[in-house]
């Protein structure tokens, strides 16, 4: 069986990741429910993993794209019951944690 992998330019994947972060931020700002947030977060996480595995990007390079848009918000799966709609993405996580 002759398999040919899709070839997606790195710049297109990077742009998709950036667009995903922007969409996530807009969803949070608009009060989207957890299901919508999970879909967008899953998309971003998948693109991050593809970039790490096949694009040879480091976590630091990915963070450099993510940080200006959604700061240090992690998009990994969370415990049930945690509401993301109340997060202020304009305030760095370290300051949000100090307020808690």
PDB file of N, CA and C in Angstrom:
ATOM      1  N   UNK A   1       0.843  -1.178   0.000  1.00  0.00           N
ATOM      2  CA  UNK A   1       0.000   0.000   0.000  1.00  0.00           C
ATOM      3  C   UNK A   1       0.889   1.243   0.000  1.00  0.00           C
ATOM      4  N   UNK A   2       0.691   2.108  -0.956  1.00  0.00           N
ATOM      5  CA  UNK A   2       1.482   3.323  -1.081  1.00  0.00           C
ATOM      6  C   UNK A   2       0.721   4.487  -0.444  1.00  0.00           C
ATOM      7  N   UNK A   3       1.176   4.885   0.736  1.00  0.00           N
ATOM      8  CA  UNK A   3       0.505   5.985   1.434  1.00  0.00           C
ATOM      9  C   UNK A   3       1.265   7.280   1.208  1.00  0.00           C
ATOM     10  N   UNK A   4       0.520   8.318   0.947  1.00  0.00           N
ATOM     11  CA  UNK A   4       1.129   9.632   0.809  1.00  0.00           C
ATOM     12  C   UNK A   4       0.501  10.535   1.870  1.00  0.00           C
ATOM     13  N   UNK A   5       1.343  11.125   2.684  1.00  0.00           N
ATOM     14  CA  UNK A   5       0.857  12.016   3.721  1.00  0.00           C
ATOM     15  C   UNK A   5       0.499  13.364   3.135  1.00  0.00           C
ATOM     16  N   UNK A   6      -0.449  14.020   3.779  1.00  0.00           N
ATOM     17  CA  UNK A   6      -0.772  15.381   3.368  1.00  0.00           C
ATOM     18  C   UNK A   6       0.427  16.264   3.657  1.00  0.00           C
ATOM     19  N   UNK A   7       0.633  17.225   2.818  1.00  0.00           N
ATOM     20  CA  UNK A   7       1.710  18.175   3.045  1.00  0.00           C
ATOM     21  C   UNK A   7       1.098  19.557   3.189  1.00  0.00           C
ATOM     22  N   UNK A   8       1.144  20.060   4.411  1.00  0.00           N
ATOM     23  CA  UNK A   8       0.591  21.375   4.714  1.00  0.00           C
ATOM     24  C   UNK A   8       1.753  22.292   5.049  1.00  0.00           C
ATOM     25  N   UNK A   9       1.849  23.420   4.387  1.00  0.00           N
ATOM     26  CA  UNK A   9       2.945  24.344   4.691  1.00  0.00           C
ATOM     27  C   UNK A   9       2.919  24.767   6.158  1.00  0.00           C
ATOM     28  N   UNK A  10       4.087  24.861   6.758  1.00  0.00           N
ATOM     29  CA  UNK A  10       4.212  25.232   8.156  1.00  0.00           C
ATOM     30  C   UNK A  10       3.531  26.567   8.442  1.00  0.00           C
ATOM     31  N   UNK A  11       3.670  27.522   7.540  1.00  0.00           N
ATOM     32  CA  UNK A  11       3.059  28.839   7.766  1.00  0.00           C
ATOM     33  C   UNK A  11       1.538  28.738   7.848  1.00  0.00           C
ATOM     34  N   UNK A  12       0.930  27.811   7.110  1.00  0.00           N
ATOM     35  CA  UNK A  12      -0.517  27.626   7.171  1.00  0.00           C
ATOM     36  C   UNK A  12      -0.939  27.041   8.516  1.00  0.00           C
ATOM     37  N   UNK A  13      -0.152  26.089   9.025  1.00  0.00           N
ATOM     38  CA  UNK A  13      -0.454  25.525  10.345  1.00  0.00           C
ATOM     39  C   UNK A  13      -0.300  26.582  11.431  1.00  0.00           C
ATOM     40  N   UNK A  14       0.738  27.404  11.331  1.00  0.00           N
ATOM     41  CA  UNK A  14       0.942  28.465  12.312  1.00  0.00           C
ATOM     42  C   UNK A  14      -0.202  29.471  12.280  1.00  0.00           C
ATOM     43  N   UNK A  15      -0.661  29.801  11.095  1.00  0.00           N
ATOM     44  CA  UNK A  15      -1.781  30.746  10.967  1.00  0.00           C
ATOM     45  C   UNK A  15      -3.065  30.130  11.529  1.00  0.00           C
ATOM     46  N   UNK A  16      -3.272  28.850  11.299  1.00  0.00           N
ATOM     47  CA  UNK A  16      -4.439  28.167  11.856  1.00  0.00           C
ATOM     48  C   UNK A  16      -4.392  28.158  13.379  1.00  0.00           C
ATOM     49  N   UNK A  17      -3.214  27.946  13.929  1.00  0.00           N
ATOM     50  CA  UNK A  17      -3.070  27.954  15.379  1.00  0.00           C
ATOM     51  C   UNK A  17      -3.383  29.338  15.943  1.00  0.00           C
ATOM     52  N   UNK A  18      -2.830  30.354  15.317  1.00  0.00           N
ATOM     53  CA  UNK A  18      -3.091  31.728  15.756  1.00  0.00           C
ATOM     54  C   UNK A  18      -4.584  32.034  15.670  1.00  0.00           C
ATOM     55  N   UNK A  19      -5.220  31.651  14.581  1.00  0.00           N
ATOM     56  CA  UNK A  19      -6.668  31.863  14.422  1.00  0.00           C
ATOM     57  C   UNK A  19      -7.451  31.118  15.504  1.00  0.00           C
ATOM     58  N   UNK A  20      -6.996  29.916  15.855  1.00  0.00           N
ATOM     59  CA  UNK A  20      -7.647  29.143  16.910  1.00  0.00           C
ATOM     60  C   UNK A  20      -7.563  29.851  18.254  1.00  0.00           C
ATOM     61  N   UNK A  21      -6.395  30.400  18.570  1.00  0.00           N
ATOM     62  CA  UNK A  21      -6.247  31.147  19.817  1.00  0.00           C
ATOM     63  C   UNK A  21      -7.163  32.371  19.844  1.00  0.00           C
ATOM     64  N   UNK A  22      -7.240  33.052  18.720  1.00  0.00           N
ATOM     65  CA  UNK A  22      -8.113  34.232  18.633  1.00  0.00           C
ATOM     66  C   UNK A  22      -9.572  33.818  18.822  1.00  0.00           C
ATOM     67  N   UNK A  23      -9.970  32.720  18.191  1.00  0.00           N
ATOM     68  CA  UNK A  23     -11.344  32.233  18.349  1.00  0.00           C
ATOM     69  C   UNK A  23     -11.620  31.852  19.806  1.00  0.00           C
ATOM     70  N   UNK A  24     -10.654  31.205  20.452  1.00  0.00           N
ATOM     71  CA  UNK A  24     -10.821  30.826  21.854  1.00  0.00           C
ATOM     72  C   UNK A  24     -11.033  32.079  22.713  1.00  0.00           C
ATOM     73  N   UNK A  25     -10.221  33.089  22.497  1.00  0.00           N
ATOM     74  CA  UNK A  25     -10.337  34.329  23.267  1.00  0.00           C
ATOM     75  C   UNK A  25     -11.716  34.964  23.058  1.00  0.00           C
ATOM     76  N   UNK A  26     -12.177  34.997  21.809  1.00  0.00           N
ATOM     77  CA  UNK A  26     -13.501  35.565  21.524  1.00  0.00           C
ATOM     78  C   UNK A  26     -14.606  34.759  22.191  1.00  0.00           C
ATOM     79  N   UNK A  27     -14.475  33.447  22.195  1.00  0.00           N
ATOM     80  CA  UNK A  27     -15.473  32.592  22.849  1.00  0.00           C
ATOM     81  C   UNK A  27     -15.542  32.889  24.346  1.00  0.00           C
ATOM     82  N   UNK A  28     -14.380  33.051  24.972  1.00  0.00           N
ATOM     83  CA  UNK A  28     -14.353  33.372  26.406  1.00  0.00           C
ATOM     84  C   UNK A  28     -15.010  34.722  26.641  1.00  0.00           C
ATOM     85  N   UNK A  29     -14.656  35.703  25.829  1.00  0.00           N
ATOM     86  CA  UNK A  29     -15.201  37.054  25.991  1.00  0.00           C
ATOM     87  C   UNK A  29     -16.708  37.093  25.766  1.00  0.00           C
ATOM     88  N   UNK A  30     -17.200  36.235  24.878  1.00  0.00           N
ATOM     89  CA  UNK A  30     -18.632  36.212  24.568  1.00  0.00           C
ATOM     90  C   UNK A  30     -19.425  35.295  25.480  1.00  0.00           C
ATOM     91  N   UNK A  31     -18.750  34.641  26.417  1.00  0.00           N
ATOM     92  CA  UNK A  31     -19.445  33.770  27.358  1.00  0.00           C
ATOM     93  C   UNK A  31     -19.917  32.455  26.760  1.00  0.00           C
ATOM     94  N   UNK A  32     -19.184  31.946  25.799  1.00  0.00           N
ATOM     95  CA  UNK A  32     -19.546  30.657  25.200  1.00  0.00           C
ATOM     96  C   UNK A  32     -19.535  29.565  26.255  1.00  0.00           C
ATOM     97  N   UNK A  33     -20.339  28.546  26.026  1.00  0.00           N
ATOM     98  CA  UNK A  33     -20.412  27.458  27.012  1.00  0.00           C
ATOM     99  C   UNK A  33     -19.179  26.568  26.947  1.00  0.00           C
ATOM    100  N   UNK A  34     -19.075  25.678  27.917  1.00  0.00           N
ATOM    101  CA  UNK A  34     -17.909  24.803  28.038  1.00  0.00           C
ATOM    102  C   UNK A  34     -17.713  23.908  26.818  1.00  0.00           C
ATOM    103  N   UNK A  35     -18.795  23.510  26.182  1.00  0.00           N
ATOM    104  CA  UNK A  35     -18.691  22.640  25.011  1.00  0.00           C
ATOM    105  C   UNK A  35     -18.004  23.378  23.865  1.00  0.00           C
ATOM    106  N   UNK A  36     -18.427  24.611  23.607  1.00  0.00           N
ATOM    107  CA  UNK A  36     -17.795  25.392  22.545  1.00  0.00           C
ATOM    108  C   UNK A  36     -16.322  25.630  22.855  1.00  0.00           C
ATOM    109  N   UNK A  37     -16.039  25.988  24.097  1.00  0.00           N
ATOM    110  CA  UNK A  37     -14.653  26.222  24.493  1.00  0.00           C
ATOM    111  C   UNK A  37     -13.810  24.949  24.331  1.00  0.00           C
ATOM    112  N   UNK A  38     -14.391  23.819  24.677  1.00  0.00           N
ATOM    113  CA  UNK A  38     -13.663  22.549  24.562  1.00  0.00           C
ATOM    114  C   UNK A  38     -13.345  22.228  23.109  1.00  0.00           C
ATOM    115  N   UNK A  39     -14.260  22.524  22.201  1.00  0.00           N
ATOM    116  CA  UNK A  39     -14.013  22.261  20.783  1.00  0.00           C
ATOM    117  C   UNK A  39     -12.858  23.114  20.271  1.00  0.00           C
ATOM    118  N   UNK A  40     -12.874  24.386  20.602  1.00  0.00           N
ATOM    119  CA  UNK A  40     -11.814  25.286  20.135  1.00  0.00           C
ATOM    120  C   UNK A  40     -10.487  24.913  20.787  1.00  0.00           C
ATOM    121  N   UNK A  41     -10.518  24.624  22.085  1.00  0.00           N
ATOM    122  CA  UNK A  41      -9.296  24.233  22.788  1.00  0.00           C
ATOM    123  C   UNK A  41      -8.730  22.945  22.200  1.00  0.00           C
ATOM    124  N   UNK A  42      -9.586  21.999  21.877  1.00  0.00           N
ATOM    125  CA  UNK A  42      -9.147  20.744  21.272  1.00  0.00           C
ATOM    126  C   UNK A  42      -8.490  20.959  19.918  1.00  0.00           C
ATOM    127  N   UNK A  43      -9.061  21.863  19.137  1.00  0.00           N
ATOM    128  CA  UNK A  43      -8.470  22.200  17.840  1.00  0.00           C
ATOM    129  C   UNK A  43      -7.061  22.747  18.040  1.00  0.00           C
ATOM    130  N   UNK A  44      -6.944  23.726  18.952  1.00  0.00           N
ATOM    131  CA  UNK A  44      -5.640  24.351  19.196  1.00  0.00           C
ATOM    132  C   UNK A  44      -4.626  23.334  19.710  1.00  0.00           C
ATOM    133  N   UNK A  45      -5.052  22.495  20.630  1.00  0.00           N
ATOM    134  CA  UNK A  45      -4.155  21.492  21.193  1.00  0.00           C
ATOM    135  C   UNK A  45      -3.680  20.522  20.110  1.00  0.00           C
ATOM    136  N   UNK A  46      -4.558  20.143  19.226  1.00  0.00           N
ATOM    137  CA  UNK A  46      -4.192  19.242  18.134  1.00  0.00           C
ATOM    138  C   UNK A  46      -3.162  19.891  17.212  1.00  0.00           C
ATOM    139  N   UNK A  47      -3.382  21.134  16.845  1.00  0.00           N
ATOM    140  CA  UNK A  47      -2.430  21.845  15.977  1.00  0.00           C
ATOM    141  C   UNK A  47      -1.087  21.995  16.696  1.00  0.00           C
ATOM    142  N   UNK A  48      -1.124  22.306  18.001  1.00  0.00           N
ATOM    143  CA  UNK A  48       0.118  22.392  18.775  1.00  0.00           C
ATOM    144  C   UNK A  48       0.892  21.076  18.708  1.00  0.00           C
ATOM    145  N   UNK A  49       0.188  19.978  18.871  1.00  0.00           N
ATOM    146  CA  UNK A  49       0.836  18.666  18.854  1.00  0.00           C
ATOM    147  C   UNK A  49       1.412  18.345  17.477  1.00  0.00           C
ATOM    148  N   UNK A  50       0.696  18.697  16.429  1.00  0.00           N
ATOM    149  CA  UNK A  50       1.204  18.480  15.069  1.00  0.00           C
ATOM    150  C   UNK A  50       2.459  19.313  14.838  1.00  0.00           C
ATOM    151  N   UNK A  51       2.421  20.571  15.278  1.00  0.00           N
ATOM    152  CA  UNK A  51       3.587  21.438  15.114  1.00  0.00           C
ATOM    153  C   UNK A  51       4.786  20.921  15.902  1.00  0.00           C
ATOM    154  N   UNK A  52       4.535  20.379  17.073  1.00  0.00           N
ATOM    155  CA  UNK A  52       5.630  19.831  17.886  1.00  0.00           C
ATOM    156  C   UNK A  52       6.208  18.579  17.240  1.00  0.00           C
ATOM    157  N   UNK A  53       5.341  17.698  16.790  1.00  0.00           N
ATOM    158  CA  UNK A  53       5.796  16.410  16.253  1.00  0.00           C
ATOM    159  C   UNK A  53       6.379  16.514  14.848  1.00  0.00           C
ATOM    160  N   UNK A  54       5.715  17.243  13.981  1.00  0.00           N
ATOM    161  CA  UNK A  54       6.121  17.256  12.573  1.00  0.00           C
ATOM    162  C   UNK A  54       6.757  18.571  12.132  1.00  0.00           C
ATOM    163  N   UNK A  55       6.409  19.653  12.817  1.00  0.00           N
ATOM    164  CA  UNK A  55       6.974  20.951  12.457  1.00  0.00           C
ATOM    165  C   UNK A  55       8.231  21.265  13.233  1.00  0.00           C
ATOM    166  N   UNK A  56       8.599  20.364  14.152  1.00  0.00           N
ATOM    167  CA  UNK A  56       9.805  20.523  14.971  1.00  0.00           C
ATOM    168  C   UNK A  56       9.812  21.829  15.761  1.00  0.00           C
ATOM    169  N   UNK A  57       8.624  22.293  16.154  1.00  0.00           N
ATOM    170  CA  UNK A  57       8.526  23.516  16.953  1.00  0.00           C
ATOM    171  C   UNK A  57       8.651  23.168  18.429  1.00  0.00           C
ATOM    172  N   UNK A  58       9.309  24.037  19.163  1.00  0.00           N
ATOM    173  CA  UNK A  58       9.465  23.833  20.600  1.00  0.00           C
ATOM    174  C   UNK A  58       8.256  24.420  21.331  1.00  0.00           C
ATOM    175  N   UNK A  59       8.115  24.021  22.580  1.00  0.00           N
ATOM    176  CA  UNK A  59       7.046  24.587  23.404  1.00  0.00           C
ATOM    177  C   UNK A  59       7.202  26.098  23.519  1.00  0.00           C
ATOM    178  N   UNK A  60       8.433  26.566  23.611  1.00  0.00           N
ATOM    179  CA  UNK A  60       8.690  28.004  23.728  1.00  0.00           C
ATOM    180  C   UNK A  60       8.230  28.752  22.472  1.00  0.00           C
ATOM    181  N   UNK A  61       8.438  28.170  21.310  1.00  0.00           N
ATOM    182  CA  UNK A  61       8.006  28.805  20.063  1.00  0.00           C
ATOM    183  C   UNK A  61       6.486  28.874  19.990  1.00  0.00           C
ATOM    184  N   UNK A  62       5.831  27.817  20.444  1.00  0.00           N
ATOM    185  CA  UNK A  62       4.370  27.810  20.451  1.00  0.00           C
ATOM    186  C   UNK A  62       3.845  28.819  21.470  1.00  0.00           C
ATOM    187  N   UNK A  63       4.470  28.867  22.640  1.00  0.00           N
ATOM    188  CA  UNK A  63       4.075  29.837  23.670  1.00  0.00           C
ATOM    189  C   UNK A  63       4.236  31.263  23.178  1.00  0.00           C
ATOM    190  N   UNK A  64       5.240  31.526  22.345  1.00  0.00           N
ATOM    191  CA  UNK A  64       5.457  32.868  21.811  1.00  0.00           C
ATOM    192  C   UNK A  64       4.296  33.319  20.926  1.00  0.00           C
ATOM    193  N   UNK A  65       3.617  32.379  20.300  1.00  0.00           N
ATOM    194  CA  UNK A  65       2.435  32.691  19.486  1.00  0.00           C
ATOM    195  C   UNK A  65       1.222  32.852  20.393  1.00  0.00           C
ATOM    196  N   UNK A  66       1.108  31.972  21.358  1.00  0.00           N
ATOM    197  CA  UNK A  66      -0.057  31.910  22.246  1.00  0.00           C
ATOM    198  C   UNK A  66      -0.122  33.074  23.236  1.00  0.00           C
ATOM    199  N   UNK A  67       1.000  33.415  23.852  1.00  0.00           N
ATOM    200  CA  UNK A  67       1.033  34.366  24.962  1.00  0.00           C
ATOM    201  C   UNK A  67       0.420  35.734  24.646  1.00  0.00           C
ATOM    202  N   UNK A  68       0.704  36.337  23.495  1.00  0.00           N
ATOM    203  CA  UNK A  68       0.102  37.649  23.222  1.00  0.00           C
ATOM    204  C   UNK A  68      -1.425  37.598  23.042  1.00  0.00           C
ATOM    205  N   UNK A  69      -1.947  36.426  22.754  1.00  0.00           N
ATOM    206  CA  UNK A  69      -3.380  36.309  22.459  1.00  0.00           C
ATOM    207  C   UNK A  69      -4.175  35.858  23.674  1.00  0.00           C
ATOM    208  N   UNK A  70      -3.789  34.730  24.274  1.00  0.00           N
ATOM    209  CA  UNK A  70      -4.555  34.208  25.413  1.00  0.00           C
ATOM    210  C   UNK A  70      -3.703  34.078  26.672  1.00  0.00           C
ATOM    211  N   UNK A  71      -2.587  34.763  26.676  1.00  0.00           N
ATOM    212  CA  UNK A  71      -1.685  34.760  27.837  1.00  0.00           C
ATOM    213  C   UNK A  71      -1.227  33.346  28.167  1.00  0.00           C
ATOM    214  N   UNK A  72      -1.280  32.970  29.414  1.00  0.00           N
ATOM    215  CA  UNK A  72      -0.761  31.669  29.834  1.00  0.00           C
ATOM    216  C   UNK A  72      -1.872  30.661  30.103  1.00  0.00           C
ATOM    217  N   UNK A  73      -3.033  30.894  29.545  1.00  0.00           N
ATOM    218  CA  UNK A  73      -4.152  29.962  29.723  1.00  0.00           C
ATOM    219  C   UNK A  73      -3.778  28.623  29.106  1.00  0.00           C
ATOM    220  N   UNK A  74      -3.959  27.564  29.859  1.00  0.00           N
ATOM    221  CA  UNK A  74      -3.691  26.234  29.325  1.00  0.00           C
ATOM    222  C   UNK A  74      -4.957  25.702  28.658  1.00  0.00           C
ATOM    223  N   UNK A  75      -4.800  25.045  27.552  1.00  0.00           N
ATOM    224  CA  UNK A  75      -5.947  24.529  26.812  1.00  0.00           C
ATOM    225  C   UNK A  75      -6.133  23.031  27.005  1.00  0.00           C
ATOM    226  N   UNK A  76      -5.367  22.463  27.920  1.00  0.00           N
ATOM    227  CA  UNK A  76      -5.523  21.043  28.190  1.00  0.00           C
ATOM    228  C   UNK A  76      -6.838  20.798  28.912  1.00  0.00           C
ATOM    229  N   UNK A  77      -7.260  19.550  28.954  1.00  0.00           N
ATOM    230  CA  UNK A  77      -8.540  19.197  29.561  1.00  0.00           C
ATOM    231  C   UNK A  77      -8.554  19.570  31.030  1.00  0.00           C
ATOM    232  N   UNK A  78      -9.702  20.016  31.483  1.00  0.00           N
ATOM    233  CA  UNK A  78      -9.863  20.471  32.859  1.00  0.00           C
ATOM    234  C   UNK A  78     -10.818  19.565  33.614  1.00  0.00           C
ATOM    235  N   UNK A  79     -10.805  19.738  34.904  1.00  0.00           N
ATOM    236  CA  UNK A  79     -11.769  19.021  35.732  1.00  0.00           C
ATOM    237  C   UNK A  79     -13.154  19.570  35.461  1.00  0.00           C
ATOM    238  N   UNK A  80     -14.143  18.703  35.545  1.00  0.00           N
ATOM    239  CA  UNK A  80     -15.522  19.132  35.323  1.00  0.00           C
ATOM    240  C   UNK A  80     -15.924  20.166  36.360  1.00  0.00           C
ATOM    241  N   UNK A  81     -16.755  21.099  35.930  1.00  0.00           N
ATOM    242  CA  UNK A  81     -17.278  22.104  36.834  1.00  0.00           C
ATOM    243  C   UNK A  81     -16.514  23.416  36.801  1.00  0.00           C
ATOM    244  N   UNK A  82     -15.336  23.451  36.167  1.00  0.00           N
ATOM    245  CA  UNK A  82     -14.567  24.682  36.096  1.00  0.00           C
ATOM    246  C   UNK A  82     -15.098  25.524  34.947  1.00  0.00           C
ATOM    247  N   UNK A  83     -15.531  26.718  35.238  1.00  0.00           N
ATOM    248  CA  UNK A  83     -16.102  27.607  34.221  1.00  0.00           C
ATOM    249  C   UNK A  83     -15.017  28.534  33.683  1.00  0.00           C
ATOM    250  N   UNK A  84     -14.831  28.512  32.372  1.00  0.00           N
ATOM    251  CA  UNK A  84     -13.816  29.350  31.741  1.00  0.00           C
ATOM    252  C   UNK A  84     -14.354  30.724  31.357  1.00  0.00           C
ATOM    253  N   UNK A  85     -15.645  30.910  31.372  1.00  0.00           N
ATOM    254  CA  UNK A  85     -16.212  32.169  30.911  1.00  0.00           C
ATOM    255  C   UNK A  85     -15.908  33.328  31.845  1.00  0.00           C
ATOM    256  N   UNK A  86     -15.444  33.045  33.052  1.00  0.00           N
ATOM    257  CA  UNK A  86     -15.147  34.104  34.004  1.00  0.00           C
ATOM    258  C   UNK A  86     -13.681  34.521  33.997  1.00  0.00           C
ATOM    259  N   UNK A  87     -12.881  33.977  33.117  1.00  0.00           N
ATOM    260  CA  UNK A  87     -11.461  34.273  33.105  1.00  0.00           C
ATOM    261  C   UNK A  87     -11.196  35.558  32.328  1.00  0.00           C
ATOM    262  N   UNK A  88     -10.406  36.437  32.933  1.00  0.00           N
ATOM    263  CA  UNK A  88      -9.979  37.678  32.295  1.00  0.00           C
ATOM    264  C   UNK A  88      -8.670  37.406  31.571  1.00  0.00           C
ATOM    265  N   UNK A  89      -8.716  37.250  30.257  1.00  0.00           N
ATOM    266  CA  UNK A  89      -7.527  36.899  29.491  1.00  0.00           C
ATOM    267  C   UNK A  89      -6.568  38.072  29.313  1.00  0.00           C
ATOM    268  N   UNK A  90      -6.999  39.254  29.692  1.00  0.00           N
ATOM    269  CA  UNK A  90      -6.120  40.418  29.584  1.00  0.00           C
ATOM    270  C   UNK A  90      -5.164  40.512  30.772  1.00  0.00           C
ATOM    271  N   UNK A  91      -5.493  39.851  31.871  1.00  0.00           N
ATOM    272  CA  UNK A  91      -4.646  39.862  33.064  1.00  0.00           C
ATOM    273  C   UNK A  91      -3.787  38.602  33.065  1.00  0.00           C
ATOM    274  N   UNK A  92      -2.468  38.752  33.192  1.00  0.00           N
ATOM    275  CA  UNK A  92      -1.604  37.569  33.223  1.00  0.00           C
ATOM    276  C   UNK A  92      -2.005  36.610  34.341  1.00  0.00           C
ATOM    277  N   UNK A  93      -1.826  35.322  34.081  1.00  0.00           N
ATOM    278  CA  UNK A  93      -2.256  34.279  35.014  1.00  0.00           C
ATOM    279  C   UNK A  93      -1.649  34.457  36.397  1.00  0.00           C
ATOM    280  N   UNK A  94      -0.403  34.881  36.472  1.00  0.00           N
ATOM    281  CA  UNK A  94       0.234  35.027  37.778  1.00  0.00           C
ATOM    282  C   UNK A  94      -0.509  36.048  38.641  1.00  0.00           C
ATOM    283  N   UNK A  95      -1.021  37.105  38.023  1.00  0.00           N
ATOM    284  CA  UNK A  95      -1.776  38.116  38.781  1.00  0.00           C
ATOM    285  C   UNK A  95      -3.174  37.614  39.107  1.00  0.00           C
ATOM    286  N   UNK A  96      -3.791  36.845  38.192  1.00  0.00           N
ATOM    287  CA  UNK A  96      -5.114  36.282  38.476  1.00  0.00           C
ATOM    288  C   UNK A  96      -5.025  35.331  39.662  1.00  0.00           C
ATOM    289  N   UNK A  97      -3.969  34.530  39.712  1.00  0.00           N
ATOM    290  CA  UNK A  97      -3.805  33.572  40.813  1.00  0.00           C
ATOM    291  C   UNK A  97      -3.618  34.292  42.141  1.00  0.00           C
ATOM    292  N   UNK A  98      -2.937  35.417  42.134  1.00  0.00           N
ATOM    293  CA  UNK A  98      -2.713  36.175  43.364  1.00  0.00           C
ATOM    294  C   UNK A  98      -4.016  36.760  43.898  1.00  0.00           C
ATOM    295  N   UNK A  99      -4.972  37.027  43.011  1.00  0.00           N
ATOM    296  CA  UNK A  99      -6.248  37.594  43.428  1.00  0.00           C
ATOM    297  C   UNK A  99      -7.162  36.545  44.061  1.00  0.00           C
ATOM    298  N   UNK A 100      -6.931  35.278  43.746  1.00  0.00           N
ATOM    299  CA  UNK A 100      -7.783  34.192  44.264  1.00  0.00           C
ATOM    300  C   UNK A 100      -7.553  33.922  45.726  1.00  0.00           C
TER     301      UNK A 100
END
